[in-house]
Amino acid sequence: MSKFGELIDLSIPVLLDFYTDWNEASTAMHPVLRDVAAAMGDKAKVIKIDVDKNQELANALRVKGLPTLMIYKGGEMVWRQSGELDANTLIGLLQEYV
């Protein structure tokens, strides 16, 4: 879990995408997240977390639905939602925390 703490304890917003390869909605978000990462550049970080490989973390964060998206800033969760979103919505959310 300490590695997770290092991931989210940044001065820029960090968008986490909890997904699995077998979940259609999760895989549909991959190109959207690439667009978000490209649009935000070094003003934000986008991290994909495979729930199947990180079950302990997913359980600790009570991830139930997929995909689950979270934004952290300075180690604190500032936003969370389950389900798909478009790139423009995610970019707008991240810009609120830049």
PDB file of N, CA and C in Angstrom:
ATOM      1  N   MET A   1       0.817  -1.202   0.000  1.00  0.00           N
ATOM      2  CA  MET A   1       0.000   0.000   0.000  1.00  0.00           C
ATOM      3  C   MET A   1       0.861   1.266   0.000  1.00  0.00           C
ATOM      4  N   SER A   2       2.115   1.169   0.495  1.00  0.00           N
ATOM      5  CA  SER A   2       2.943   2.380   0.545  1.00  0.00           C
ATOM      6  C   SER A   2       3.235   2.888  -0.852  1.00  0.00           C
ATOM      7  N   LYS A   3       3.340   1.990  -1.828  1.00  0.00           N
ATOM      8  CA  LYS A   3       3.556   2.423  -3.201  1.00  0.00           C
ATOM      9  C   LYS A   3       2.360   3.229  -3.691  1.00  0.00           C
ATOM     10  N   PHE A   4       1.157   2.817  -3.302  1.00  0.00           N
ATOM     11  CA  PHE A   4      -0.044   3.556  -3.671  1.00  0.00           C
ATOM     12  C   PHE A   4       0.014   4.967  -3.092  1.00  0.00           C
ATOM     13  N   GLY A   5       0.467   5.100  -1.865  1.00  0.00           N
ATOM     14  CA  GLY A   5       0.597   6.402  -1.233  1.00  0.00           C
ATOM     15  C   GLY A   5       1.511   7.325  -2.016  1.00  0.00           C
ATOM     16  N   GLU A   6       2.596   6.760  -2.556  1.00  0.00           N
ATOM     17  CA  GLU A   6       3.515   7.550  -3.368  1.00  0.00           C
ATOM     18  C   GLU A   6       2.862   7.990  -4.676  1.00  0.00           C
ATOM     19  N   LEU A   7       2.021   7.122  -5.252  1.00  0.00           N
ATOM     20  CA  LEU A   7       1.345   7.438  -6.511  1.00  0.00           C
ATOM     21  C   LEU A   7       0.406   8.628  -6.379  1.00  0.00           C
ATOM     22  N   ILE A   8      -0.312   8.685  -5.266  1.00  0.00           N
ATOM     23  CA  ILE A   8      -1.372   9.691  -5.131  1.00  0.00           C
ATOM     24  C   ILE A   8      -0.924  10.948  -4.399  1.00  0.00           C
ATOM     25  N   ASP A   9       0.245  10.914  -3.765  1.00  0.00           N
ATOM     26  CA  ASP A   9       0.690  12.069  -2.987  1.00  0.00           C
ATOM     27  C   ASP A   9       1.485  13.026  -3.862  1.00  0.00           C
ATOM     28  N   LEU A  10       0.826  13.578  -4.865  1.00  0.00           N
ATOM     29  CA  LEU A  10       1.452  14.506  -5.795  1.00  0.00           C
ATOM     30  C   LEU A  10       0.746  15.852  -5.723  1.00  0.00           C
ATOM     31  N   SER A  11       1.450  16.889  -6.146  1.00  0.00           N
ATOM     32  CA  SER A  11       0.845  18.223  -6.135  1.00  0.00           C
ATOM     33  C   SER A  11      -0.067  18.433  -7.340  1.00  0.00           C
ATOM     34  N   ILE A  12       0.039  17.543  -8.348  1.00  0.00           N
ATOM     35  CA  ILE A  12      -0.870  17.602  -9.492  1.00  0.00           C
ATOM     36  C   ILE A  12      -1.979  16.576  -9.283  1.00  0.00           C
ATOM     37  N   PRO A  13      -3.144  16.770  -9.921  1.00  0.00           N
ATOM     38  CA  PRO A  13      -4.211  15.785  -9.763  1.00  0.00           C
ATOM     39  C   PRO A  13      -3.831  14.453 -10.411  1.00  0.00           C
ATOM     40  N   VAL A  14      -4.252  13.361  -9.787  1.00  0.00           N
ATOM     41  CA  VAL A  14      -3.988  12.012 -10.282  1.00  0.00           C
ATOM     42  C   VAL A  14      -5.339  11.339 -10.514  1.00  0.00           C
ATOM     43  N   LEU A  15      -5.602  10.972 -11.776  1.00  0.00           N
ATOM     44  CA  LEU A  15      -6.829  10.258 -12.128  1.00  0.00           C
ATOM     45  C   LEU A  15      -6.533   8.777 -12.127  1.00  0.00           C
ATOM     46  N   LEU A  16      -7.235   8.039 -11.280  1.00  0.00           N
ATOM     47  CA  LEU A  16      -7.093   6.586 -11.223  1.00  0.00           C
ATOM     48  C   LEU A  16      -8.272   5.947 -11.924  1.00  0.00           C
ATOM     49  N   ASP A  17      -7.981   4.950 -12.749  1.00  0.00           N
ATOM     50  CA  ASP A  17      -9.006   4.183 -13.447  1.00  0.00           C
ATOM     51  C   ASP A  17      -8.882   2.738 -12.992  1.00  0.00           C
ATOM     52  N   PHE A  18      -9.852   2.274 -12.217  1.00  0.00           N
ATOM     53  CA  PHE A  18      -9.884   0.869 -11.798  1.00  0.00           C
ATOM     54  C   PHE A  18     -10.660   0.102 -12.850  1.00  0.00           C
ATOM     55  N   TYR A  19     -10.021  -0.910 -13.447  1.00  0.00           N
ATOM     56  CA  TYR A  19     -10.608  -1.621 -14.579  1.00  0.00           C
ATOM     57  C   TYR A  19     -10.260  -3.105 -14.539  1.00  0.00           C
ATOM     58  N   THR A  20     -10.899  -3.867 -15.431  1.00  0.00           N
ATOM     59  CA  THR A  20     -10.477  -5.231 -15.743  1.00  0.00           C
ATOM     60  C   THR A  20     -10.563  -5.391 -17.252  1.00  0.00           C
ATOM     61  N   ASP A  21      -9.764  -6.291 -17.786  1.00  0.00           N
ATOM     62  CA  ASP A  21      -9.768  -6.514 -19.232  1.00  0.00           C
ATOM     63  C   ASP A  21     -11.035  -7.229 -19.706  1.00  0.00           C
ATOM     64  N   TRP A  22     -11.728  -7.907 -18.800  1.00  0.00           N
ATOM     65  CA  TRP A  22     -12.932  -8.640 -19.203  1.00  0.00           C
ATOM     66  C   TRP A  22     -14.207  -7.810 -19.079  1.00  0.00           C
ATOM     67  N   ASN A  23     -14.093  -6.582 -18.596  1.00  0.00           N
ATOM     68  CA  ASN A  23     -15.265  -5.719 -18.434  1.00  0.00           C
ATOM     69  C   ASN A  23     -15.325  -4.745 -19.614  1.00  0.00           C
ATOM     70  N   GLU A  24     -16.413  -4.850 -20.401  1.00  0.00           N
ATOM     71  CA  GLU A  24     -16.537  -4.065 -21.636  1.00  0.00           C
ATOM     72  C   GLU A  24     -16.489  -2.556 -21.387  1.00  0.00           C
ATOM     73  N   ALA A  25     -17.173  -2.086 -20.352  1.00  0.00           N
ATOM     74  CA  ALA A  25     -17.167  -0.655 -20.043  1.00  0.00           C
ATOM     75  C   ALA A  25     -15.757  -0.192 -19.666  1.00  0.00           C
ATOM     76  N   SER A  26     -15.018  -1.052 -18.970  1.00  0.00           N
ATOM     77  CA  SER A  26     -13.647  -0.713 -18.590  1.00  0.00           C
ATOM     78  C   SER A  26     -12.763  -0.543 -19.817  1.00  0.00           C
ATOM     79  N   THR A  27     -12.837  -1.496 -20.741  1.00  0.00           N
ATOM     80  CA  THR A  27     -11.973  -1.426 -21.919  1.00  0.00           C
ATOM     81  C   THR A  27     -12.396  -0.279 -22.833  1.00  0.00           C
ATOM     82  N   ALA A  28     -13.665   0.090 -22.810  1.00  0.00           N
ATOM     83  CA  ALA A  28     -14.133   1.222 -23.614  1.00  0.00           C
ATOM     84  C   ALA A  28     -13.518   2.537 -23.141  1.00  0.00           C
ATOM     85  N   MET A  29     -13.103   2.586 -21.886  1.00  0.00           N
ATOM     86  CA  MET A  29     -12.516   3.806 -21.321  1.00  0.00           C
ATOM     87  C   MET A  29     -11.047   3.994 -21.717  1.00  0.00           C
ATOM     88  N   HIS A  30     -10.371   2.948 -22.180  1.00  0.00           N
ATOM     89  CA  HIS A  30      -8.940   3.056 -22.483  1.00  0.00           C
ATOM     90  C   HIS A  30      -8.613   4.179 -23.470  1.00  0.00           C
ATOM     91  N   PRO A  31      -9.285   4.259 -24.640  1.00  0.00           N
ATOM     92  CA  PRO A  31      -8.959   5.365 -25.555  1.00  0.00           C
ATOM     93  C   PRO A  31      -9.331   6.731 -24.982  1.00  0.00           C
ATOM     94  N   VAL A  32     -10.381   6.789 -24.182  1.00  0.00           N
ATOM     95  CA  VAL A  32     -10.786   8.043 -23.544  1.00  0.00           C
ATOM     96  C   VAL A  32      -9.674   8.513 -22.607  1.00  0.00           C
ATOM     97  N   LEU A  33      -9.134   7.598 -21.824  1.00  0.00           N
ATOM     98  CA  LEU A  33      -8.072   7.946 -20.874  1.00  0.00           C
ATOM     99  C   LEU A  33      -6.787   8.355 -21.586  1.00  0.00           C
ATOM    100  N   ARG A  34      -6.505   7.737 -22.719  1.00  0.00           N
ATOM    101  CA  ARG A  34      -5.335   8.155 -23.508  1.00  0.00           C
ATOM    102  C   ARG A  34      -5.516   9.605 -23.961  1.00  0.00           C
ATOM    103  N   ASP A  35      -6.721   9.941 -24.404  1.00  0.00           N
ATOM    104  CA  ASP A  35      -7.010  11.315 -24.833  1.00  0.00           C
ATOM    105  C   ASP A  35      -6.860  12.293 -23.671  1.00  0.00           C
ATOM    106  N   VAL A  36      -7.362  11.896 -22.493  1.00  0.00           N
ATOM    107  CA  VAL A  36      -7.268  12.754 -21.301  1.00  0.00           C
ATOM    108  C   VAL A  36      -5.797  12.984 -20.946  1.00  0.00           C
ATOM    109  N   ALA A  37      -5.016  11.906 -20.931  1.00  0.00           N
ATOM    110  CA  ALA A  37      -3.595  12.011 -20.586  1.00  0.00           C
ATOM    111  C   ALA A  37      -2.873  12.914 -21.580  1.00  0.00           C
ATOM    112  N   ALA A  38      -3.183  12.778 -22.865  1.00  0.00           N
ATOM    113  CA  ALA A  38      -2.543  13.601 -23.889  1.00  0.00           C
ATOM    114  C   ALA A  38      -2.941  15.071 -23.728  1.00  0.00           C
ATOM    115  N   ALA A  39      -4.198  15.325 -23.440  1.00  0.00           N
ATOM    116  CA  ALA A  39      -4.692  16.699 -23.308  1.00  0.00           C
ATOM    117  C   ALA A  39      -4.113  17.384 -22.071  1.00  0.00           C
ATOM    118  N   MET A  40      -3.956  16.643 -20.986  1.00  0.00           N
ATOM    119  CA  MET A  40      -3.490  17.238 -19.729  1.00  0.00           C
ATOM    120  C   MET A  40      -1.969  17.357 -19.672  1.00  0.00           C
ATOM    121  N   GLY A  41      -1.258  16.532 -20.422  1.00  0.00           N
ATOM    122  CA  GLY A  41       0.204  16.582 -20.412  1.00  0.00           C
ATOM    123  C   GLY A  41       0.759  16.385 -19.015  1.00  0.00           C
ATOM    124  N   ASP A  42       1.653  17.277 -18.589  1.00  0.00           N
ATOM    125  CA  ASP A  42       2.269  17.122 -17.264  1.00  0.00           C
ATOM    126  C   ASP A  42       1.498  17.869 -16.169  1.00  0.00           C
ATOM    127  N   LYS A  43       0.290  18.337 -16.495  1.00  0.00           N
ATOM    128  CA  LYS A  43      -0.537  19.024 -15.485  1.00  0.00           C
ATOM    129  C   LYS A  43      -1.346  18.039 -14.643  1.00  0.00           C
ATOM    130  N   ALA A  44      -1.408  16.785 -15.080  1.00  0.00           N
ATOM    131  CA  ALA A  44      -2.130  15.738 -14.345  1.00  0.00           C
ATOM    132  C   ALA A  44      -1.536  14.396 -14.725  1.00  0.00           C
ATOM    133  N   LYS A  45      -1.834  13.395 -13.918  1.00  0.00           N
ATOM    134  CA  LYS A  45      -1.340  12.049 -14.177  1.00  0.00           C
ATOM    135  C   LYS A  45      -2.544  11.119 -14.282  1.00  0.00           C
ATOM    136  N   VAL A  46      -2.506  10.204 -15.253  1.00  0.00           N
ATOM    137  CA  VAL A  46      -3.565   9.215 -15.431  1.00  0.00           C
ATOM    138  C   VAL A  46      -2.954   7.839 -15.192  1.00  0.00           C
ATOM    139  N   ILE A  47      -3.539   7.096 -14.256  1.00  0.00           N
ATOM    140  CA  ILE A  47      -3.012   5.776 -13.898  1.00  0.00           C
ATOM    141  C   ILE A  47      -4.132   4.750 -13.995  1.00  0.00           C
ATOM    142  N   LYS A  48      -3.871   3.671 -14.729  1.00  0.00           N
ATOM    143  CA  LYS A  48      -4.835   2.575 -14.836  1.00  0.00           C
ATOM    144  C   LYS A  48      -4.427   1.478 -13.851  1.00  0.00           C
ATOM    145  N   ILE A  49      -5.405   0.986 -13.091  1.00  0.00           N
ATOM    146  CA  ILE A  49      -5.131  -0.045 -12.089  1.00  0.00           C
ATOM    147  C   ILE A  49      -6.025  -1.245 -12.367  1.00  0.00           C
ATOM    148  N   ASP A  50      -5.397  -2.373 -12.695  1.00  0.00           N
ATOM    149  CA  ASP A  50      -6.117  -3.614 -12.985  1.00  0.00           C
ATOM    150  C   ASP A  50      -6.603  -4.212 -11.657  1.00  0.00           C
ATOM    151  N   VAL A  51      -7.914  -4.278 -11.498  1.00  0.00           N
ATOM    152  CA  VAL A  51      -8.512  -4.773 -10.250  1.00  0.00           C
ATOM    153  C   VAL A  51      -8.117  -6.228  -9.992  1.00  0.00           C
ATOM    154  N   ASP A  52      -8.026  -7.038 -11.059  1.00  0.00           N
ATOM    155  CA  ASP A  52      -7.661  -8.440 -10.888  1.00  0.00           C
ATOM    156  C   ASP A  52      -6.260  -8.600 -10.299  1.00  0.00           C
ATOM    157  N   LYS A  53      -5.361  -7.681 -10.604  1.00  0.00           N
ATOM    158  CA  LYS A  53      -3.984  -7.758 -10.108  1.00  0.00           C
ATOM    159  C   LYS A  53      -3.790  -6.974  -8.815  1.00  0.00           C
ATOM    160  N   ASN A  54      -4.779  -6.159  -8.442  1.00  0.00           N
ATOM    161  CA  ASN A  54      -4.671  -5.302  -7.256  1.00  0.00           C
ATOM    162  C   ASN A  54      -5.936  -5.409  -6.404  1.00  0.00           C
ATOM    163  N   GLN A  55      -6.332  -6.643  -6.093  1.00  0.00           N
ATOM    164  CA  GLN A  55      -7.590  -6.859  -5.368  1.00  0.00           C
ATOM    165  C   GLN A  55      -7.573  -6.256  -3.974  1.00  0.00           C
ATOM    166  N   GLU A  56      -6.443  -6.309  -3.299  1.00  0.00           N
ATOM    167  CA  GLU A  56      -6.352  -5.766  -1.940  1.00  0.00           C
ATOM    168  C   GLU A  56      -6.622  -4.256  -1.949  1.00  0.00           C
ATOM    169  N   LEU A  57      -6.010  -3.559  -2.900  1.00  0.00           N
ATOM    170  CA  LEU A  57      -6.214  -2.119  -3.024  1.00  0.00           C
ATOM    171  C   LEU A  57      -7.662  -1.808  -3.403  1.00  0.00           C
ATOM    172  N   ALA A  58      -8.198  -2.556  -4.370  1.00  0.00           N
ATOM    173  CA  ALA A  58      -9.584  -2.340  -4.793  1.00  0.00           C
ATOM    174  C   ALA A  58     -10.549  -2.554  -3.637  1.00  0.00           C
ATOM    175  N   ASN A  59     -10.306  -3.571  -2.825  1.00  0.00           N
ATOM    176  CA  ASN A  59     -11.156  -3.824  -1.661  1.00  0.00           C
ATOM    177  C   ASN A  59     -11.020  -2.706  -0.630  1.00  0.00           C
ATOM    178  N   ALA A  60      -9.791  -2.248  -0.408  1.00  0.00           N
ATOM    179  CA  ALA A  60      -9.556  -1.187   0.569  1.00  0.00           C
ATOM    180  C   ALA A  60     -10.276   0.103   0.161  1.00  0.00           C
ATOM    181  N   LEU A  61     -10.365   0.349  -1.137  1.00  0.00           N
ATOM    182  CA  LEU A  61     -11.026   1.553  -1.642  1.00  0.00           C
ATOM    183  C   LEU A  61     -12.496   1.318  -1.991  1.00  0.00           C
ATOM    184  N   ARG A  62     -12.985   0.117  -1.663  1.00  0.00           N
ATOM    185  CA  ARG A  62     -14.386  -0.261  -1.878  1.00  0.00           C
ATOM    186  C   ARG A  62     -14.826  -0.089  -3.332  1.00  0.00           C
ATOM    187  N   VAL A  63     -13.973  -0.539  -4.243  1.00  0.00           N
ATOM    188  CA  VAL A  63     -14.317  -0.494  -5.665  1.00  0.00           C
ATOM    189  C   VAL A  63     -15.296  -1.640  -5.944  1.00  0.00           C
ATOM    190  N   LYS A  64     -16.498  -1.293  -6.342  1.00  0.00           N
ATOM    191  CA  LYS A  64     -17.535  -2.302  -6.627  1.00  0.00           C
ATOM    192  C   LYS A  64     -17.848  -2.354  -8.122  1.00  0.00           C
ATOM    193  N   GLY A  65     -18.213  -1.199  -8.696  1.00  0.00           N
ATOM    194  CA  GLY A  65     -18.543  -1.153 -10.116  1.00  0.00           C
ATOM    195  C   GLY A  65     -17.322  -0.817 -10.950  1.00  0.00           C
ATOM    196  N   LEU A  66     -17.339  -1.240 -12.205  1.00  0.00           N
ATOM    197  CA  LEU A  66     -16.230  -0.952 -13.113  1.00  0.00           C
ATOM    198  C   LEU A  66     -16.750  -0.257 -14.355  1.00  0.00           C
ATOM    199  N   PRO A  67     -16.009   0.669 -14.891  1.00  0.00           N
ATOM    200  CA  PRO A  67     -14.804   1.225 -14.290  1.00  0.00           C
ATOM    201  C   PRO A  67     -15.146   2.147 -13.127  1.00  0.00           C
ATOM    202  N   THR A  68     -14.241   2.255 -12.165  1.00  0.00           N
ATOM    203  CA  THR A  68     -14.364   3.248 -11.101  1.00  0.00           C
ATOM    204  C   THR A  68     -13.235   4.246 -11.300  1.00  0.00           C
ATOM    205  N   LEU A  69     -13.600   5.507 -11.347  1.00  0.00           N
ATOM    206  CA  LEU A  69     -12.640   6.587 -11.566  1.00  0.00           C
ATOM    207  C   LEU A  69     -12.521   7.409 -10.297  1.00  0.00           C
ATOM    208  N   MET A  70     -11.292   7.783  -9.938  1.00  0.00           N
ATOM    209  CA  MET A  70     -11.042   8.607  -8.754  1.00  0.00           C
ATOM    210  C   MET A  70     -10.011   9.662  -9.104  1.00  0.00           C
ATOM    211  N   ILE A  71     -10.156  10.824  -8.509  1.00  0.00           N
ATOM    212  CA  ILE A  71      -9.134  11.854  -8.626  1.00  0.00           C
ATOM    213  C   ILE A  71      -8.579  12.125  -7.225  1.00  0.00           C
ATOM    214  N   TYR A  72      -7.255  12.045  -7.123  1.00  0.00           N
ATOM    215  CA  TYR A  72      -6.548  12.367  -5.881  1.00  0.00           C
ATOM    216  C   TYR A  72      -5.711  13.609  -6.111  1.00  0.00           C
ATOM    217  N   LYS A  73      -5.573  14.417  -5.064  1.00  0.00           N
ATOM    218  CA  LYS A  73      -4.675  15.577  -5.109  1.00  0.00           C
ATOM    219  C   LYS A  73      -4.027  15.683  -3.739  1.00  0.00           C
ATOM    220  N   GLY A  74      -2.707  15.671  -3.711  1.00  0.00           N
ATOM    221  CA  GLY A  74      -1.979  15.760  -2.444  1.00  0.00           C
ATOM    222  C   GLY A  74      -2.307  14.631  -1.489  1.00  0.00           C
ATOM    223  N   GLY A  75      -2.573  13.438  -2.027  1.00  0.00           N
ATOM    224  CA  GLY A  75      -2.852  12.277  -1.195  1.00  0.00           C
ATOM    225  C   GLY A  75      -4.293  12.141  -0.745  1.00  0.00           C
ATOM    226  N   GLU A  76      -5.152  13.093  -1.090  1.00  0.00           N
ATOM    227  CA  GLU A  76      -6.560  13.058  -0.677  1.00  0.00           C
ATOM    228  C   GLU A  76      -7.462  12.825  -1.881  1.00  0.00           C
ATOM    229  N   MET A  77      -8.454  11.941  -1.707  1.00  0.00           N
ATOM    230  CA  MET A  77      -9.436  11.742  -2.760  1.00  0.00           C
ATOM    231  C   MET A  77     -10.347  12.965  -2.823  1.00  0.00           C
ATOM    232  N   VAL A  78     -10.457  13.563  -4.009  1.00  0.00           N
ATOM    233  CA  VAL A  78     -11.282  14.761  -4.164  1.00  0.00           C
ATOM    234  C   VAL A  78     -12.507  14.511  -5.040  1.00  0.00           C
ATOM    235  N   TRP A  79     -12.517  13.363  -5.752  1.00  0.00           N
ATOM    236  CA  TRP A  79     -13.643  13.058  -6.632  1.00  0.00           C
ATOM    237  C   TRP A  79     -13.644  11.570  -6.919  1.00  0.00           C
ATOM    238  N   ARG A  80     -14.866  11.008  -7.086  1.00  0.00           N
ATOM    239  CA  ARG A  80     -14.992   9.579  -7.381  1.00  0.00           C
ATOM    240  C   ARG A  80     -16.290   9.315  -8.101  1.00  0.00           C
ATOM    241  N   GLN A  81     -16.248   8.403  -9.080  1.00  0.00           N
ATOM    242  CA  GLN A  81     -17.465   8.001  -9.781  1.00  0.00           C
ATOM    243  C   GLN A  81     -17.255   6.642 -10.421  1.00  0.00           C
ATOM    244  N   SER A  82     -18.294   5.833 -10.433  1.00  0.00           N
ATOM    245  CA  SER A  82     -18.263   4.572 -11.167  1.00  0.00           C
ATOM    246  C   SER A  82     -19.010   4.769 -12.473  1.00  0.00           C
ATOM    247  N   GLY A  83     -18.496   4.142 -13.527  1.00  0.00           N
ATOM    248  CA  GLY A  83     -19.139   4.238 -14.833  1.00  0.00           C
ATOM    249  C   GLY A  83     -18.301   5.024 -15.816  1.00  0.00           C
ATOM    250  N   GLU A  84     -18.738   4.973 -17.066  1.00  0.00           N
ATOM    251  CA  GLU A  84     -17.992   5.623 -18.145  1.00  0.00           C
ATOM    252  C   GLU A  84     -18.253   7.123 -18.186  1.00  0.00           C
ATOM    253  N   LEU A  85     -17.244   7.866 -18.568  1.00  0.00           N
ATOM    254  CA  LEU A  85     -17.349   9.306 -18.800  1.00  0.00           C
ATOM    255  C   LEU A  85     -16.598   9.631 -20.081  1.00  0.00           C
ATOM    256  N   ASP A  86     -16.953  10.761 -20.706  1.00  0.00           N
ATOM    257  CA  ASP A  86     -16.241  11.160 -21.916  1.00  0.00           C
ATOM    258  C   ASP A  86     -14.993  11.966 -21.539  1.00  0.00           C
ATOM    259  N   ALA A  87     -14.097  12.098 -22.508  1.00  0.00           N
ATOM    260  CA  ALA A  87     -12.818  12.768 -22.263  1.00  0.00           C
ATOM    261  C   ALA A  87     -13.000  14.217 -21.829  1.00  0.00           C
ATOM    262  N   ASN A  88     -13.905  14.949 -22.473  1.00  0.00           N
ATOM    263  CA  ASN A  88     -14.087  16.360 -22.131  1.00  0.00           C
ATOM    264  C   ASN A  88     -14.530  16.544 -20.685  1.00  0.00           C
ATOM    265  N   THR A  89     -15.403  15.671 -20.204  1.00  0.00           N
ATOM    266  CA  THR A  89     -15.860  15.750 -18.813  1.00  0.00           C
ATOM    267  C   THR A  89     -14.693  15.504 -17.859  1.00  0.00           C
ATOM    268  N   LEU A  90     -13.891  14.476 -18.147  1.00  0.00           N
ATOM    269  CA  LEU A  90     -12.752  14.158 -17.283  1.00  0.00           C
ATOM    270  C   LEU A  90     -11.699  15.268 -17.311  1.00  0.00           C
ATOM    271  N   ILE A  91     -11.448  15.829 -18.475  1.00  0.00           N
ATOM    272  CA  ILE A  91     -10.481  16.924 -18.582  1.00  0.00           C
ATOM    273  C   ILE A  91     -10.973  18.115 -17.754  1.00  0.00           C
ATOM    274  N   GLY A  92     -12.264  18.426 -17.860  1.00  0.00           N
ATOM    275  CA  GLY A  92     -12.841  19.525 -17.078  1.00  0.00           C
ATOM    276  C   GLY A  92     -12.700  19.290 -15.588  1.00  0.00           C
ATOM    277  N   LEU A  93     -12.961  18.054 -15.147  1.00  0.00           N
ATOM    278  CA  LEU A  93     -12.814  17.723 -13.727  1.00  0.00           C
ATOM    279  C   LEU A  93     -11.367  17.888 -13.267  1.00  0.00           C
ATOM    280  N   LEU A  94     -10.434  17.370 -14.044  1.00  0.00           N
ATOM    281  CA  LEU A  94      -9.024  17.461 -13.668  1.00  0.00           C
ATOM    282  C   LEU A  94      -8.575  18.918 -13.608  1.00  0.00           C
ATOM    283  N   GLN A  95      -9.038  19.729 -14.539  1.00  0.00           N
ATOM    284  CA  GLN A  95      -8.618  21.133 -14.568  1.00  0.00           C
ATOM    285  C   GLN A  95      -9.077  21.900 -13.325  1.00  0.00           C
ATOM    286  N   GLU A  96     -10.152  21.422 -12.688  1.00  0.00           N
ATOM    287  CA  GLU A  96     -10.598  22.058 -11.447  1.00  0.00           C
ATOM    288  C   GLU A  96      -9.561  21.921 -10.334  1.00  0.00           C
ATOM    289  N   TYR A  97      -8.711  20.894 -10.427  1.00  0.00           N
ATOM    290  CA  TYR A  97      -7.766  20.591  -9.350  1.00  0.00           C
ATOM    291  C   TYR A  97      -6.318  20.911  -9.723  1.00  0.00           C
ATOM    292  N   VAL A  98      -6.084  21.459 -10.916  1.00  0.00           N
ATOM    293  CA  VAL A  98      -4.723  21.789 -11.341  1.00  0.00           C
ATOM    294  C   VAL A  98      -4.226  22.985 -10.529  1.00  0.00           C
TER     295      VAL A  98
END
